[in-house]
Amino acid sequence: MNVSVLVFEVVSSLGEELGNAGLAAPTAETRLFGAEGLDSVALVTLIADLEDRLAEETGKAVILADEKAMSRFHSPFRTVGTLIAHVERVVDGDRR
């Protein structure tokens, strides 16, 4: 499973669904949360969609928005690139 491809697919799909051109064609630098990104409800949708796809791909339940992720000084949900790095850590079992 290629985590980068999966994250880009889920972000792009949600961007198309929301009519957000920036998210429909994301790069690693694409902001996920804030003025040009997702509102809080759409961010929750993105996380849930990613968790579902990861469960399908790995056969294991994956939680991306746990207490550690939410309490970090720098959110793993800032950009597509930081989200990819976070998903890779979670999938590899490194919860730092």
PDB file of N, CA and C in Angstrom:
ATOM      1  N   MET A   1       0.848  -1.177   0.000  1.00  0.00           N
ATOM      2  CA  MET A   1       0.000   0.000   0.000  1.00  0.00           C
ATOM      3  C   MET A   1       0.892   1.238   0.000  1.00  0.00           C
ATOM      4  N   ASN A   2       0.592   2.142  -0.872  1.00  0.00           N
ATOM      5  CA  ASN A   2       1.319   3.402  -0.945  1.00  0.00           C
ATOM      6  C   ASN A   2       0.489   4.469  -0.233  1.00  0.00           C
ATOM      7  N   VAL A   3       0.959   4.870   0.950  1.00  0.00           N
ATOM      8  CA  VAL A   3       0.229   5.830   1.772  1.00  0.00           C
ATOM      9  C   VAL A   3       0.048   7.161   1.049  1.00  0.00           C
ATOM     10  N   SER A   4       1.079   7.644   0.391  1.00  0.00           N
ATOM     11  CA  SER A   4       0.989   8.934  -0.308  1.00  0.00           C
ATOM     12  C   SER A   4      -0.134   8.924  -1.337  1.00  0.00           C
ATOM     13  N   VAL A   5      -0.175   7.878  -2.145  1.00  0.00           N
ATOM     14  CA  VAL A   5      -1.203   7.775  -3.184  1.00  0.00           C
ATOM     15  C   VAL A   5      -2.590   7.744  -2.551  1.00  0.00           C
ATOM     16  N   LEU A   6      -2.740   6.958  -1.498  1.00  0.00           N
ATOM     17  CA  LEU A   6      -4.033   6.846  -0.825  1.00  0.00           C
ATOM     18  C   LEU A   6      -4.483   8.193  -0.272  1.00  0.00           C
ATOM     19  N   VAL A   7      -3.588   8.915   0.392  1.00  0.00           N
ATOM     20  CA  VAL A   7      -3.943  10.224   0.961  1.00  0.00           C
ATOM     21  C   VAL A   7      -4.317  11.199  -0.155  1.00  0.00           C
ATOM     22  N   PHE A   8      -3.519  11.240  -1.216  1.00  0.00           N
ATOM     23  CA  PHE A   8      -3.846  12.135  -2.328  1.00  0.00           C
ATOM     24  C   PHE A   8      -5.209  11.795  -2.931  1.00  0.00           C
ATOM     25  N   GLU A   9      -5.514  10.506  -3.075  1.00  0.00           N
ATOM     26  CA  GLU A   9      -6.806  10.099  -3.630  1.00  0.00           C
ATOM     27  C   GLU A   9      -7.966  10.554  -2.749  1.00  0.00           C
ATOM     28  N   VAL A  10      -7.835  10.358  -1.436  1.00  0.00           N
ATOM     29  CA  VAL A  10      -8.922  10.725  -0.521  1.00  0.00           C
ATOM     30  C   VAL A  10      -9.105  12.244  -0.474  1.00  0.00           C
ATOM     31  N   VAL A  11      -8.006  12.989  -0.412  1.00  0.00           N
ATOM     32  CA  VAL A  11      -8.093  14.460  -0.399  1.00  0.00           C
ATOM     33  C   VAL A  11      -8.710  14.958  -1.702  1.00  0.00           C
ATOM     34  N   SER A  12      -8.243  14.429  -2.826  1.00  0.00           N
ATOM     35  CA  SER A  12      -8.756  14.848  -4.123  1.00  0.00           C
ATOM     36  C   SER A  12     -10.251  14.554  -4.254  1.00  0.00           C
ATOM     37  N   SER A  13     -10.663  13.378  -3.832  1.00  0.00           N
ATOM     38  CA  SER A  13     -12.069  13.000  -3.903  1.00  0.00           C
ATOM     39  C   SER A  13     -12.942  13.939  -3.069  1.00  0.00           C
ATOM     40  N   LEU A  14     -12.486  14.249  -1.855  1.00  0.00           N
ATOM     41  CA  LEU A  14     -13.250  15.161  -1.005  1.00  0.00           C
ATOM     42  C   LEU A  14     -13.258  16.567  -1.611  1.00  0.00           C
ATOM     43  N   GLY A  15     -12.114  17.000  -2.160  1.00  0.00           N
ATOM     44  CA  GLY A  15     -12.051  18.307  -2.806  1.00  0.00           C
ATOM     45  C   GLY A  15     -13.035  18.430  -3.952  1.00  0.00           C
ATOM     46  N   GLU A  16     -13.132  17.367  -4.758  1.00  0.00           N
ATOM     47  CA  GLU A  16     -14.095  17.372  -5.866  1.00  0.00           C
ATOM     48  C   GLU A  16     -15.523  17.421  -5.339  1.00  0.00           C
ATOM     49  N   GLU A  17     -15.782  16.625  -4.306  1.00  0.00           N
ATOM     50  CA  GLU A  17     -17.128  16.592  -3.709  1.00  0.00           C
ATOM     51  C   GLU A  17     -17.536  17.960  -3.169  1.00  0.00           C
ATOM     52  N   LEU A  18     -16.563  18.682  -2.592  1.00  0.00           N
ATOM     53  CA  LEU A  18     -16.844  19.990  -1.998  1.00  0.00           C
ATOM     54  C   LEU A  18     -16.737  21.135  -3.001  1.00  0.00           C
ATOM     55  N   GLY A  19     -16.286  20.845  -4.214  1.00  0.00           N
ATOM     56  CA  GLY A  19     -16.088  21.903  -5.199  1.00  0.00           C
ATOM     57  C   GLY A  19     -14.912  22.802  -4.860  1.00  0.00           C
ATOM     58  N   ASN A  20     -13.909  22.255  -4.198  1.00  0.00           N
ATOM     59  CA  ASN A  20     -12.712  23.002  -3.797  1.00  0.00           C
ATOM     60  C   ASN A  20     -11.582  22.624  -4.746  1.00  0.00           C
ATOM     61  N   ALA A  21     -11.288  23.492  -5.715  1.00  0.00           N
ATOM     62  CA  ALA A  21     -10.303  23.197  -6.751  1.00  0.00           C
ATOM     63  C   ALA A  21      -8.912  22.920  -6.183  1.00  0.00           C
ATOM     64  N   GLY A  22      -8.519  23.635  -5.141  1.00  0.00           N
ATOM     65  CA  GLY A  22      -7.206  23.416  -4.535  1.00  0.00           C
ATOM     66  C   GLY A  22      -7.062  22.035  -3.933  1.00  0.00           C
ATOM     67  N   LEU A  23      -8.121  21.558  -3.318  1.00  0.00           N
ATOM     68  CA  LEU A  23      -8.087  20.222  -2.730  1.00  0.00           C
ATOM     69  C   LEU A  23      -8.321  19.134  -3.772  1.00  0.00           C
ATOM     70  N   ALA A  24      -8.997  19.465  -4.851  1.00  0.00           N
ATOM     71  CA  ALA A  24      -9.262  18.480  -5.901  1.00  0.00           C
ATOM     72  C   ALA A  24      -7.985  18.101  -6.641  1.00  0.00           C
ATOM     73  N   ALA A  25      -6.999  18.979  -6.641  1.00  0.00           N
ATOM     74  CA  ALA A  25      -5.701  18.719  -7.282  1.00  0.00           C
ATOM     75  C   ALA A  25      -4.594  19.041  -6.270  1.00  0.00           C
ATOM     76  N   PRO A  26      -4.497  18.249  -5.193  1.00  0.00           N
ATOM     77  CA  PRO A  26      -3.576  18.587  -4.109  1.00  0.00           C
ATOM     78  C   PRO A  26      -2.108  18.312  -4.423  1.00  0.00           C
ATOM     79  N   THR A  27      -1.260  19.066  -3.730  1.00  0.00           N
ATOM     80  CA  THR A  27       0.174  18.801  -3.695  1.00  0.00           C
ATOM     81  C   THR A  27       0.526  18.575  -2.229  1.00  0.00           C
ATOM     82  N   ALA A  28       1.766  18.242  -1.950  1.00  0.00           N
ATOM     83  CA  ALA A  28       2.185  18.034  -0.564  1.00  0.00           C
ATOM     84  C   ALA A  28       2.026  19.311   0.261  1.00  0.00           C
ATOM     85  N   GLU A  29       2.103  20.473  -0.379  1.00  0.00           N
ATOM     86  CA  GLU A  29       2.008  21.749   0.333  1.00  0.00           C
ATOM     87  C   GLU A  29       0.580  22.248   0.494  1.00  0.00           C
ATOM     88  N   THR A  30      -0.380  21.582  -0.084  1.00  0.00           N
ATOM     89  CA  THR A  30      -1.778  22.016  -0.004  1.00  0.00           C
ATOM     90  C   THR A  30      -2.232  22.056   1.445  1.00  0.00           C
ATOM     91  N   ARG A  31      -2.745  23.217   1.849  1.00  0.00           N
ATOM     92  CA  ARG A  31      -3.247  23.377   3.214  1.00  0.00           C
ATOM     93  C   ARG A  31      -4.570  22.640   3.348  1.00  0.00           C
ATOM     94  N   LEU A  32      -4.703  21.918   4.455  1.00  0.00           N
ATOM     95  CA  LEU A  32      -5.929  21.172   4.696  1.00  0.00           C
ATOM     96  C   LEU A  32      -6.911  21.917   5.573  1.00  0.00           C
ATOM     97  N   PHE A  33      -6.407  22.723   6.473  1.00  0.00           N
ATOM     98  CA  PHE A  33      -7.286  23.356   7.449  1.00  0.00           C
ATOM     99  C   PHE A  33      -7.037  24.849   7.438  1.00  0.00           C
ATOM    100  N   GLY A  34      -8.085  25.627   7.425  1.00  0.00           N
ATOM    101  CA  GLY A  34      -7.927  27.079   7.457  1.00  0.00           C
ATOM    102  C   GLY A  34      -8.635  27.745   6.306  1.00  0.00           C
ATOM    103  N   ALA A  35      -8.197  28.936   5.973  1.00  0.00           N
ATOM    104  CA  ALA A  35      -8.883  29.808   5.023  1.00  0.00           C
ATOM    105  C   ALA A  35      -9.147  29.147   3.671  1.00  0.00           C
ATOM    106  N   GLU A  36      -8.162  28.484   3.100  1.00  0.00           N
ATOM    107  CA  GLU A  36      -8.339  27.900   1.773  1.00  0.00           C
ATOM    108  C   GLU A  36      -8.600  26.405   1.833  1.00  0.00           C
ATOM    109  N   GLY A  37      -8.638  25.863   3.032  1.00  0.00           N
ATOM    110  CA  GLY A  37      -8.790  24.423   3.163  1.00  0.00           C
ATOM    111  C   GLY A  37     -10.165  24.023   3.646  1.00  0.00           C
ATOM    112  N   LEU A  38     -10.175  23.079   4.538  1.00  0.00           N
ATOM    113  CA  LEU A  38     -11.404  22.485   5.040  1.00  0.00           C
ATOM    114  C   LEU A  38     -11.888  23.169   6.306  1.00  0.00           C
ATOM    115  N   ASP A  39     -13.199  23.193   6.505  1.00  0.00           N
ATOM    116  CA  ASP A  39     -13.708  23.613   7.806  1.00  0.00           C
ATOM    117  C   ASP A  39     -13.637  22.387   8.722  1.00  0.00           C
ATOM    118  N   SER A  40     -14.015  22.546   9.970  1.00  0.00           N
ATOM    119  CA  SER A  40     -13.845  21.458  10.940  1.00  0.00           C
ATOM    120  C   SER A  40     -14.680  20.226  10.588  1.00  0.00           C
ATOM    121  N   VAL A  41     -15.862  20.409  10.057  1.00  0.00           N
ATOM    122  CA  VAL A  41     -16.711  19.268   9.687  1.00  0.00           C
ATOM    123  C   VAL A  41     -16.088  18.509   8.515  1.00  0.00           C
ATOM    124  N   ALA A  42     -15.606  19.232   7.530  1.00  0.00           N
ATOM    125  CA  ALA A  42     -14.972  18.583   6.377  1.00  0.00           C
ATOM    126  C   ALA A  42     -13.674  17.888   6.782  1.00  0.00           C
ATOM    127  N   LEU A  43     -12.937  18.459   7.747  1.00  0.00           N
ATOM    128  CA  LEU A  43     -11.716  17.802   8.231  1.00  0.00           C
ATOM    129  C   LEU A  43     -12.055  16.472   8.900  1.00  0.00           C
ATOM    130  N   VAL A  44     -13.114  16.452   9.689  1.00  0.00           N
ATOM    131  CA  VAL A  44     -13.557  15.207  10.321  1.00  0.00           C
ATOM    132  C   VAL A  44     -13.949  14.192   9.241  1.00  0.00           C
ATOM    133  N   THR A  45     -14.615  14.649   8.197  1.00  0.00           N
ATOM    134  CA  THR A  45     -14.993  13.773   7.086  1.00  0.00           C
ATOM    135  C   THR A  45     -13.747  13.193   6.419  1.00  0.00           C
ATOM    136  N   LEU A  46     -12.748  14.032   6.191  1.00  0.00           N
ATOM    137  CA  LEU A  46     -11.499  13.579   5.585  1.00  0.00           C
ATOM    138  C   LEU A  46     -10.841  12.505   6.450  1.00  0.00           C
ATOM    139  N   ILE A  47     -10.756  12.744   7.737  1.00  0.00           N
ATOM    140  CA  ILE A  47     -10.131  11.783   8.641  1.00  0.00           C
ATOM    141  C   ILE A  47     -10.898  10.460   8.636  1.00  0.00           C
ATOM    142  N   ALA A  48     -12.212  10.536   8.699  1.00  0.00           N
ATOM    143  CA  ALA A  48     -13.037   9.313   8.689  1.00  0.00           C
ATOM    144  C   ALA A  48     -12.867   8.555   7.368  1.00  0.00           C
ATOM    145  N   ASP A  49     -12.855   9.281   6.251  1.00  0.00           N
ATOM    146  CA  ASP A  49     -12.666   8.637   4.947  1.00  0.00           C
ATOM    147  C   ASP A  49     -11.306   7.948   4.876  1.00  0.00           C
ATOM    148  N   LEU A  50     -10.275   8.620   5.376  1.00  0.00           N
ATOM    149  CA  LEU A  50      -8.931   8.029   5.389  1.00  0.00           C
ATOM    150  C   LEU A  50      -8.877   6.793   6.276  1.00  0.00           C
ATOM    151  N   GLU A  51      -9.464   6.882   7.448  1.00  0.00           N
ATOM    152  CA  GLU A  51      -9.479   5.729   8.356  1.00  0.00           C
ATOM    153  C   GLU A  51     -10.193   4.539   7.712  1.00  0.00           C
ATOM    154  N   ASP A  52     -11.291   4.798   7.014  1.00  0.00           N
ATOM    155  CA  ASP A  52     -12.018   3.731   6.323  1.00  0.00           C
ATOM    156  C   ASP A  52     -11.165   3.090   5.237  1.00  0.00           C
ATOM    157  N   ARG A  53     -10.527   3.920   4.422  1.00  0.00           N
ATOM    158  CA  ARG A  53      -9.680   3.389   3.337  1.00  0.00           C
ATOM    159  C   ARG A  53      -8.489   2.619   3.891  1.00  0.00           C
ATOM    160  N   LEU A  54      -7.890   3.132   4.963  1.00  0.00           N
ATOM    161  CA  LEU A  54      -6.759   2.431   5.574  1.00  0.00           C
ATOM    162  C   LEU A  54      -7.188   1.086   6.142  1.00  0.00           C
ATOM    163  N   ALA A  55      -8.368   1.037   6.736  1.00  0.00           N
ATOM    164  CA  ALA A  55      -8.881  -0.229   7.265  1.00  0.00           C
ATOM    165  C   ALA A  55      -9.098  -1.225   6.126  1.00  0.00           C
ATOM    166  N   GLU A  56      -9.615  -0.740   5.010  1.00  0.00           N
ATOM    167  CA  GLU A  56      -9.806  -1.611   3.849  1.00  0.00           C
ATOM    168  C   GLU A  56      -8.472  -2.151   3.342  1.00  0.00           C
ATOM    169  N   GLU A  57      -7.470  -1.278   3.290  1.00  0.00           N
ATOM    170  CA  GLU A  57      -6.164  -1.648   2.742  1.00  0.00           C
ATOM    171  C   GLU A  57      -5.351  -2.544   3.680  1.00  0.00           C
ATOM    172  N   THR A  58      -5.440  -2.277   4.984  1.00  0.00           N
ATOM    173  CA  THR A  58      -4.591  -2.998   5.939  1.00  0.00           C
ATOM    174  C   THR A  58      -5.315  -4.122   6.672  1.00  0.00           C
ATOM    175  N   GLY A  59      -6.647  -4.071   6.675  1.00  0.00           N
ATOM    176  CA  GLY A  59      -7.409  -5.056   7.425  1.00  0.00           C
ATOM    177  C   GLY A  59      -7.421  -4.790   8.920  1.00  0.00           C
ATOM    178  N   LYS A  60      -6.907  -3.616   9.325  1.00  0.00           N
ATOM    179  CA  LYS A  60      -6.863  -3.234  10.740  1.00  0.00           C
ATOM    180  C   LYS A  60      -7.537  -1.883  10.934  1.00  0.00           C
ATOM    181  N   ALA A  61      -8.146  -1.705  12.102  1.00  0.00           N
ATOM    182  CA  ALA A  61      -8.712  -0.399  12.443  1.00  0.00           C
ATOM    183  C   ALA A  61      -7.565   0.578  12.692  1.00  0.00           C
ATOM    184  N   VAL A  62      -7.660   1.751  12.103  1.00  0.00           N
ATOM    185  CA  VAL A  62      -6.624   2.773  12.224  1.00  0.00           C
ATOM    186  C   VAL A  62      -7.281   4.037  12.762  1.00  0.00           C
ATOM    187  N   ILE A  63      -6.674   4.627  13.790  1.00  0.00           N
ATOM    188  CA  ILE A  63      -7.192   5.874  14.359  1.00  0.00           C
ATOM    189  C   ILE A  63      -6.160   6.967  14.112  1.00  0.00           C
ATOM    190  N   LEU A  64      -6.556   7.968  13.343  1.00  0.00           N
ATOM    191  CA  LEU A  64      -5.636   9.054  12.991  1.00  0.00           C
ATOM    192  C   LEU A  64      -5.741  10.250  13.926  1.00  0.00           C
ATOM    193  N   ALA A  65      -6.896  10.474  14.505  1.00  0.00           N
ATOM    194  CA  ALA A  65      -7.116  11.663  15.336  1.00  0.00           C
ATOM    195  C   ALA A  65      -7.195  11.264  16.804  1.00  0.00           C
ATOM    196  N   ASP A  66      -6.114  10.694  17.305  1.00  0.00           N
ATOM    197  CA  ASP A  66      -6.093  10.321  18.715  1.00  0.00           C
ATOM    198  C   ASP A  66      -5.602  11.495  19.565  1.00  0.00           C
ATOM    199  N   GLU A  67      -5.535  11.293  20.856  1.00  0.00           N
ATOM    200  CA  GLU A  67      -5.144  12.360  21.784  1.00  0.00           C
ATOM    201  C   GLU A  67      -3.763  12.918  21.468  1.00  0.00           C
ATOM    202  N   LYS A  68      -2.812  12.054  21.136  1.00  0.00           N
ATOM    203  CA  LYS A  68      -1.459  12.530  20.817  1.00  0.00           C
ATOM    204  C   LYS A  68      -1.451  13.412  19.581  1.00  0.00           C
ATOM    205  N   ALA A  69      -2.176  12.999  18.560  1.00  0.00           N
ATOM    206  CA  ALA A  69      -2.216  13.790  17.327  1.00  0.00           C
ATOM    207  C   ALA A  69      -2.847  15.148  17.572  1.00  0.00           C
ATOM    208  N   MET A  70      -3.906  15.165  18.369  1.00  0.00           N
ATOM    209  CA  MET A  70      -4.630  16.410  18.601  1.00  0.00           C
ATOM    210  C   MET A  70      -3.895  17.349  19.557  1.00  0.00           C
ATOM    211  N   SER A  71      -2.971  16.820  20.355  1.00  0.00           N
ATOM    212  CA  SER A  71      -2.281  17.659  21.329  1.00  0.00           C
ATOM    213  C   SER A  71      -0.905  18.124  20.848  1.00  0.00           C
ATOM    214  N   ARG A  72      -0.513  17.766  19.659  1.00  0.00           N
ATOM    215  CA  ARG A  72       0.784  18.198  19.133  1.00  0.00           C
ATOM    216  C   ARG A  72       0.805  19.703  18.939  1.00  0.00           C
ATOM    217  N   PHE A  73       1.998  20.266  19.122  1.00  0.00           N
ATOM    218  CA  PHE A  73       2.178  21.702  18.901  1.00  0.00           C
ATOM    219  C   PHE A  73       1.913  22.037  17.431  1.00  0.00           C
ATOM    220  N   HIS A  74       2.428  21.199  16.528  1.00  0.00           N
ATOM    221  CA  HIS A  74       2.193  21.361  15.093  1.00  0.00           C
ATOM    222  C   HIS A  74       1.260  20.245  14.648  1.00  0.00           C
ATOM    223  N   SER A  75       0.078  20.592  14.255  1.00  0.00           N
ATOM    224  CA  SER A  75      -0.940  19.619  13.869  1.00  0.00           C
ATOM    225  C   SER A  75      -0.494  18.785  12.675  1.00  0.00           C
ATOM    226  N   PRO A  76      -0.726  17.482  12.726  1.00  0.00           N
ATOM    227  CA  PRO A  76      -0.420  16.645  11.564  1.00  0.00           C
ATOM    228  C   PRO A  76      -1.431  16.841  10.434  1.00  0.00           C
ATOM    229  N   PHE A  77      -2.424  17.683  10.660  1.00  0.00           N
ATOM    230  CA  PHE A  77      -3.469  17.928   9.668  1.00  0.00           C
ATOM    231  C   PHE A  77      -3.314  19.292   8.980  1.00  0.00           C
ATOM    232  N   ARG A  78      -2.110  19.902   9.070  1.00  0.00           N
ATOM    233  CA  ARG A  78      -1.873  21.219   8.458  1.00  0.00           C
ATOM    234  C   ARG A  78      -1.889  21.165   6.939  1.00  0.00           C
ATOM    235  N   THR A  79      -1.111  20.238   6.393  1.00  0.00           N
ATOM    236  CA  THR A  79      -0.974  20.130   4.940  1.00  0.00           C
ATOM    237  C   THR A  79      -1.097  18.664   4.530  1.00  0.00           C
ATOM    238  N   VAL A  80      -1.211  18.452   3.240  1.00  0.00           N
ATOM    239  CA  VAL A  80      -1.250  17.077   2.747  1.00  0.00           C
ATOM    240  C   VAL A  80       0.049  16.361   3.115  1.00  0.00           C
ATOM    241  N   GLY A  81       1.175  17.043   3.019  1.00  0.00           N
ATOM    242  CA  GLY A  81       2.467  16.435   3.355  1.00  0.00           C
ATOM    243  C   GLY A  81       2.570  16.021   4.815  1.00  0.00           C
ATOM    244  N   THR A  82       2.109  16.880   5.722  1.00  0.00           N
ATOM    245  CA  THR A  82       2.171  16.514   7.145  1.00  0.00           C
ATOM    246  C   THR A  82       1.193  15.389   7.453  1.00  0.00           C
ATOM    247  N   LEU A  83       0.078  15.356   6.729  1.00  0.00           N
ATOM    248  CA  LEU A  83      -0.884  14.270   6.913  1.00  0.00           C
ATOM    249  C   LEU A  83      -0.289  12.946   6.432  1.00  0.00           C
ATOM    250  N   ILE A  84       0.378  12.952   5.293  1.00  0.00           N
ATOM    251  CA  ILE A  84       1.020  11.737   4.791  1.00  0.00           C
ATOM    252  C   ILE A  84       2.023  11.212   5.805  1.00  0.00           C
ATOM    253  N   ALA A  85       2.864  12.094   6.338  1.00  0.00           N
ATOM    254  CA  ALA A  85       3.858  11.675   7.331  1.00  0.00           C
ATOM    255  C   ALA A  85       3.177  11.077   8.561  1.00  0.00           C
ATOM    256  N   HIS A  86       2.092  11.691   9.000  1.00  0.00           N
ATOM    257  CA  HIS A  86       1.350  11.198  10.166  1.00  0.00           C
ATOM    258  C   HIS A  86       0.750   9.816   9.889  1.00  0.00           C
ATOM    259  N   VAL A  87       0.125   9.661   8.736  1.00  0.00           N
ATOM    260  CA  VAL A  87      -0.485   8.373   8.383  1.00  0.00           C
ATOM    261  C   VAL A  87       0.588   7.287   8.308  1.00  0.00           C
ATOM    262  N   GLU A  88       1.731   7.602   7.724  1.00  0.00           N
ATOM    263  CA  GLU A  88       2.821   6.621   7.652  1.00  0.00           C
ATOM    264  C   GLU A  88       3.264   6.193   9.045  1.00  0.00           C
ATOM    265  N   ARG A  89       3.384   7.150   9.975  1.00  0.00           N
ATOM    266  CA  ARG A  89       3.776   6.804  11.352  1.00  0.00           C
ATOM    267  C   ARG A  89       2.731   5.908  12.007  1.00  0.00           C
ATOM    268  N   VAL A  90       1.461   6.255  11.835  1.00  0.00           N
ATOM    269  CA  VAL A  90       0.383   5.472  12.466  1.00  0.00           C
ATOM    270  C   VAL A  90       0.361   4.060  11.885  1.00  0.00           C
ATOM    271  N   VAL A  91       0.451   3.957  10.567  1.00  0.00           N
ATOM    272  CA  VAL A  91       0.414   2.638   9.929  1.00  0.00           C
ATOM    273  C   VAL A  91       1.616   1.796  10.345  1.00  0.00           C
ATOM    274  N   ASP A  92       2.759   2.445  10.509  1.00  0.00           N
ATOM    275  CA  ASP A  92       3.972   1.725  10.926  1.00  0.00           C
ATOM    276  C   ASP A  92       4.007   1.457  12.428  1.00  0.00           C
ATOM    277  N   GLY A  93       3.026   1.974  13.164  1.00  0.00           N
ATOM    278  CA  GLY A  93       2.943   1.728  14.598  1.00  0.00           C
ATOM    279  C   GLY A  93       3.717   2.706  15.463  1.00  0.00           C
ATOM    280  N   ASP A  94       4.259   3.768  14.878  1.00  0.00           N
ATOM    281  CA  ASP A  94       5.020   4.782  15.607  1.00  0.00           C
ATOM    282  C   ASP A  94       4.075   5.938  15.934  1.00  0.00           C
ATOM    283  N   ARG A  95       3.613   6.053  17.161  1.00  0.00           N
ATOM    284  CA  ARG A  95       2.607   7.036  17.549  1.00  0.00           C
ATOM    285  C   ARG A  95       3.200   8.353  18.075  1.00  0.00           C
ATOM    286  N   ARG A  96       4.482   8.658  17.777  1.00  0.00           N
ATOM    287  CA  ARG A  96       5.103   9.900  18.238  1.00  0.00           C
ATOM    288  C   ARG A  96       4.360  11.103  17.782  1.00  0.00           C
TER     289      ARG A  96
END
